[in-house]
């Protein structure tokens, strides 16, 4: 009986381990890879008629060639032109042949920055 408990415990520990890689939630069907993870960045939600709602970070981000982000999962409550936000998430790669207006981005956390 003790052998079975040890075996069961070993199997549970093995399958509960994490590889600490980020888990993508957007753009998988396009085969894009995460190139940068950003945390606690301030920025402004902007509306671009051709691209929809984007996030314009207050600082330059690594691997962010266009300087603005196209979030795949921006909730409706944040779709306000000029809204100040603090956000975290994943920047995805873009392909050479693409003509893009913003970098592909998945929000993992976002909150409104209160006026001071």
Protein backbone atom coordinates (compact mmCIF):
# COMPACT_ATOMS: atom_id res chain seq x y z
CA UNK A 1 0.00 0.00 0.00
CA UNK A 2 2.83 2.37 0.83
CA UNK A 3 4.39 1.77 -2.62
CA UNK A 4 1.17 2.87 -4.32
CA UNK A 5 0.92 6.01 -2.21
CA UNK A 6 4.53 6.91 -3.01
CA UNK A 7 3.96 6.29 -6.69
CA UNK A 8 0.78 8.37 -6.70
CA UNK A 9 2.50 11.21 -4.85
CA UNK A 10 5.43 11.14 -7.31
CA UNK A 11 3.08 11.30 -10.29
CA UNK A 12 1.13 14.22 -8.78
CA UNK A 13 4.30 16.18 -8.07
CA UNK A 14 5.64 15.53 -11.57
CA UNK A 15 2.49 16.74 -13.32
CA UNK A 16 2.01 19.78 -11.09
CA UNK A 17 5.42 21.25 -11.91
CA UNK A 18 5.50 24.37 -14.06
CA UNK A 19 7.99 25.27 -16.75
CA UNK A 20 7.45 28.97 -15.90
CA UNK A 21 6.87 29.84 -19.56
CA UNK A 22 4.15 32.41 -20.23
CA UNK A 23 0.90 30.94 -21.45
CA UNK A 24 -0.32 32.63 -24.58
CA UNK A 25 -4.01 33.45 -24.86
CA UNK A 26 -4.08 35.38 -28.16
CA UNK A 27 -2.63 35.04 -31.63
CA UNK A 28 -1.92 31.27 -31.34
CA UNK A 29 -3.77 30.54 -34.57
CA UNK A 30 -1.37 32.90 -36.35
CA UNK A 31 1.71 31.13 -34.95
CA UNK A 32 3.10 34.21 -33.20
CA UNK A 33 5.62 33.90 -30.37
CA UNK A 34 5.87 36.08 -27.29
CA UNK A 35 8.94 38.32 -27.66
CA UNK A 36 8.64 40.51 -24.55
CA UNK A 37 6.78 40.50 -21.25
CA UNK A 38 5.97 43.92 -19.80
CA UNK A 39 4.90 44.64 -16.23
CA UNK A 40 3.30 47.69 -14.60
CA UNK A 41 3.66 50.14 -17.48
CA UNK A 42 1.66 53.36 -17.62
CA UNK A 43 0.09 54.38 -20.90
CA UNK A 44 -2.91 55.90 -22.64
CA UNK A 45 -5.69 54.18 -24.53
CA UNK A 46 -6.07 55.85 -27.91
CA UNK A 47 -8.55 55.35 -30.72
CA UNK A 48 -7.16 55.00 -34.24
CA UNK A 49 -9.87 54.82 -36.88
CA UNK A 50 -8.00 52.25 -38.98
CA UNK A 51 -6.81 50.04 -36.12
CA UNK A 52 -9.36 50.50 -33.35
CA UNK A 53 -8.30 50.95 -29.73
CA UNK A 54 -4.56 50.90 -29.04
CA UNK A 55 -2.40 51.45 -25.99
CA UNK A 56 0.34 54.08 -26.21
CA UNK A 57 2.94 53.31 -23.51
CA UNK A 58 4.51 56.25 -21.66
CA UNK A 59 7.94 54.67 -22.13
CA UNK A 60 9.73 52.86 -24.94
CA UNK A 61 9.42 49.09 -24.56
CA UNK A 62 11.90 46.43 -25.65
CA UNK A 63 10.99 44.74 -28.93
CA UNK A 64 8.18 47.24 -29.58
CA UNK A 65 9.03 48.68 -33.01
CA UNK A 66 5.83 50.65 -33.63
CA UNK A 67 5.74 52.18 -30.11
CA UNK A 68 2.01 51.45 -29.74
CA UNK A 69 0.24 48.22 -28.82
CA UNK A 70 -2.77 46.49 -30.36
CA UNK A 71 -4.42 44.60 -27.48
CA UNK A 72 -6.37 41.51 -28.52
CA UNK A 73 -8.32 41.43 -25.27
CA UNK A 74 -9.07 45.02 -24.26
CA UNK A 75 -12.34 44.97 -22.32
CA UNK A 76 -15.09 47.39 -23.33
CA UNK A 77 -14.82 49.36 -20.09
CA UNK A 78 -11.28 50.42 -21.14
CA UNK A 79 -12.27 51.48 -24.68
CA UNK A 80 -12.13 55.19 -23.87
CA UNK A 81 -9.94 57.50 -25.97
CA UNK A 82 -7.46 59.25 -23.65
CA UNK A 83 -7.94 56.87 -20.70
CA UNK A 84 -4.81 56.57 -18.54
CA UNK A 85 -4.03 52.96 -17.62
CA UNK A 86 -1.41 50.80 -15.95
CA UNK A 87 -0.96 47.48 -17.70
CA UNK A 88 1.05 44.28 -18.00
CA UNK A 89 1.13 41.71 -20.77
CA UNK A 90 2.83 39.98 -23.67
CA UNK A 91 4.16 41.59 -26.85
CA UNK A 92 4.03 39.17 -29.77
CA UNK A 93 6.27 39.00 -32.81
CA UNK A 94 5.25 40.50 -36.11
CA UNK A 95 6.27 39.06 -39.45
CA UNK A 96 8.40 40.86 -42.05
CA UNK A 97 5.68 40.90 -44.69
CA UNK A 98 3.10 42.63 -42.46
CA UNK A 99 2.11 46.27 -42.65
CA UNK A 100 0.95 46.87 -39.07
CA UNK A 101 -0.13 49.98 -37.22
CA UNK A 102 0.68 48.58 -33.76
CA UNK A 103 2.45 45.67 -32.12
CA UNK A 104 0.39 42.62 -31.26
CA UNK A 105 -0.30 42.62 -27.52
CA UNK A 106 -2.14 40.54 -24.96
CA UNK A 107 -3.16 42.17 -21.68
CA UNK A 108 -2.58 40.10 -18.55
CA UNK A 109 -3.49 42.90 -16.14
CA UNK A 110 -4.90 46.39 -16.60
CA UNK A 111 -6.30 49.09 -14.33
CA UNK A 112 -7.30 52.71 -14.66
CA UNK A 113 -4.78 55.19 -13.30
CA UNK A 114 -6.65 57.65 -11.06
CA UNK A 115 -6.32 61.38 -11.78
CA UNK A 116 -4.03 63.14 -9.32
